[in-house]
Amino acid sequence: MAGSCRRCGAAFLAPAATKENLPAFCSTACQRKLGKLRRRVRSREVQSEPYKLTEIAERDRGLCQLCGEGVAMNLAVPHPKAPTVDHIIPLSQGGDDLRANVQLAHFLCNSRKGAKGSQQLALFG
């Protein structure tokens, strides 16, 4: 059976799955990352909504919102040009985990930014 990952949106095949017990993630790594994010959001009591990396990439037209260059969606972290979701106002500074507060960024750009926050906020209509 084919499935779509709840975290990254990647399509995957799950031959051992039954209709009642469909896997929700393409890998255990995606499952762990989503769980870690949810724990961080709950511990800070901020607003949250579900979104996928592919949705954010489509909205941002495949461009890193920190450097302006294209992001290769087929790369994986820790590759410097791998796609990541960057919180414009970091969770550690009270930012929410909402689509309006996230943007597409290269792994390297996102790592360099750290928990500093962006100089400008992108507005989406």
Protein backbone atom coordinates (compact mmCIF):
# COMPACT_ATOMS: atom_id res chain seq x y z
CA MET A 1 0.00 0.00 0.00
CA ALA A 2 1.15 3.53 -0.69
CA GLY A 3 1.20 6.20 1.97
CA SER A 4 2.14 9.83 2.46
CA CYS A 5 4.38 10.85 5.36
CA ARG A 6 2.62 13.06 7.95
CA ARG A 7 5.81 15.07 8.54
CA CYS A 8 7.54 15.56 5.19
CA GLY A 9 4.79 14.56 2.74
CA ALA A 10 7.01 12.04 0.91
CA ALA A 11 5.25 9.14 -0.76
CA PHE A 12 6.32 5.67 0.34
CA LEU A 13 5.34 2.04 -0.09
CA ALA A 14 4.32 -0.02 2.93
CA PRO A 15 3.86 -3.62 1.76
CA ALA A 16 3.20 -5.04 5.25
CA ALA A 17 0.53 -2.50 6.15
CA THR A 18 -3.12 -3.37 6.34
CA LYS A 19 -5.94 -0.97 5.59
CA GLU A 20 -6.71 -0.53 9.31
CA ASN A 21 -3.06 -0.10 10.32
CA LEU A 22 -1.52 2.26 7.76
CA PRO A 23 1.90 3.66 8.64
CA ALA A 24 1.88 7.45 8.88
CA PHE A 25 5.59 8.17 8.36
CA CYS A 26 8.12 7.35 5.66
CA SER A 27 10.80 6.54 8.27
CA THR A 28 11.37 6.31 11.99
CA ALA A 29 13.49 9.47 11.68
CA CYS A 30 10.47 11.47 10.46
CA GLN A 31 8.34 10.00 13.23
CA ARG A 32 10.92 10.96 15.89
CA LYS A 33 11.36 14.50 14.50
CA LEU A 34 7.62 15.18 14.54
CA GLY A 35 7.37 13.79 18.09
CA LYS A 36 10.25 16.00 19.26
CA LEU A 37 8.65 19.10 17.72
CA ARG A 38 5.28 18.30 19.34
CA ARG A 39 6.94 17.92 22.76
CA ARG A 40 8.70 21.29 22.35
CA VAL A 41 5.42 22.96 21.35
CA ARG A 42 3.50 21.43 24.28
CA SER A 43 6.18 22.37 26.81
CA ARG A 44 6.06 26.03 25.70
CA GLU A 45 2.26 26.19 25.46
CA VAL A 46 2.27 27.93 22.08
CA GLN A 47 -0.26 27.68 19.25
CA SER A 48 0.30 24.93 16.72
CA GLU A 49 -1.22 23.65 13.49
CA PRO A 50 -0.25 20.72 11.25
CA TYR A 51 1.78 21.41 8.11
CA LYS A 52 4.20 19.53 5.88
CA LEU A 53 7.60 20.51 4.58
CA THR A 54 6.29 20.10 1.03
CA GLU A 55 3.43 22.55 1.70
CA ILE A 56 5.82 25.17 3.02
CA ALA A 57 8.19 24.61 0.07
CA GLU A 58 5.35 25.05 -2.42
CA ARG A 59 4.15 28.23 -0.71
CA ASP A 60 7.70 29.66 -0.66
CA ARG A 61 8.22 28.66 -4.33
CA GLY A 62 11.15 26.38 -3.45
CA LEU A 63 13.38 29.28 -2.38
CA CYS A 64 15.32 29.55 0.87
CA GLN A 65 13.77 32.52 2.66
CA LEU A 66 17.07 33.32 4.37
CA CYS A 67 19.46 33.46 1.37
CA GLY A 68 17.05 33.53 -1.60
CA GLU A 69 18.57 30.54 -3.44
CA GLY A 70 16.67 27.47 -4.62
CA VAL A 71 16.31 24.49 -2.28
CA ALA A 72 16.78 20.95 -3.61
CA MET A 73 13.92 18.96 -2.09
CA ASN A 74 15.64 15.63 -2.83
CA LEU A 75 18.50 16.24 -0.38
CA ALA A 76 18.47 15.14 3.26
CA VAL A 77 19.91 16.65 6.42
CA PRO A 78 22.89 16.95 7.17
CA HIS A 79 23.55 18.10 3.57
CA PRO A 80 24.04 21.92 3.77
CA LYS A 81 21.47 22.57 1.00
CA ALA A 82 18.84 20.17 2.41
CA PRO A 83 15.35 21.65 3.00
CA THR A 84 14.28 22.51 6.54
CA VAL A 85 11.42 24.42 8.14
CA ASP A 86 12.65 27.56 9.89
CA HIS A 87 10.59 29.29 12.58
CA ILE A 88 10.70 33.04 11.86
CA ILE A 89 10.18 33.81 15.54
CA PRO A 90 11.85 30.81 17.24
CA LEU A 91 9.86 28.61 19.60
CA SER A 92 12.44 29.42 22.28
CA GLN A 93 11.47 33.11 22.00
CA GLY A 94 7.71 32.52 22.19
CA GLY A 95 6.99 31.99 18.48
CA ASP A 96 4.07 29.81 17.47
CA ASP A 97 4.26 26.64 15.37
CA LEU A 98 1.90 28.02 12.70
CA ARG A 99 2.24 28.26 8.91
CA ALA A 100 2.47 32.05 9.23
CA ASN A 101 5.57 31.68 11.44
CA VAL A 102 7.52 29.13 9.38
CA GLN A 103 9.50 29.40 6.17
CA LEU A 104 11.61 27.20 3.92
CA ALA A 105 15.35 27.36 4.54
CA HIS A 106 18.52 25.45 3.69
CA PHE A 107 19.86 23.37 6.57
CA LEU A 108 23.04 25.49 6.63
CA CYS A 109 21.17 28.82 6.54
CA ASN A 110 18.81 27.66 9.29
CA SER A 111 21.72 26.43 11.41
CA ARG A 112 23.58 29.72 11.03
CA LYS A 113 20.49 31.70 12.02
CA GLY A 114 20.01 29.61 15.15
CA ALA A 115 17.50 30.99 17.66
CA LYS A 116 18.12 34.65 16.76
CA GLY A 117 14.97 35.27 14.76
CA SER A 118 14.75 36.97 11.36
CA GLN A 119 15.32 40.65 10.80
CA GLN A 120 12.10 40.92 8.82
CA LEU A 121 8.87 38.96 8.81
CA ALA A 122 7.48 37.64 5.56
CA LEU A 123 3.81 38.47 5.05
CA PHE A 124 1.59 36.01 3.23
CA GLY A 125 -1.91 36.70 2.03
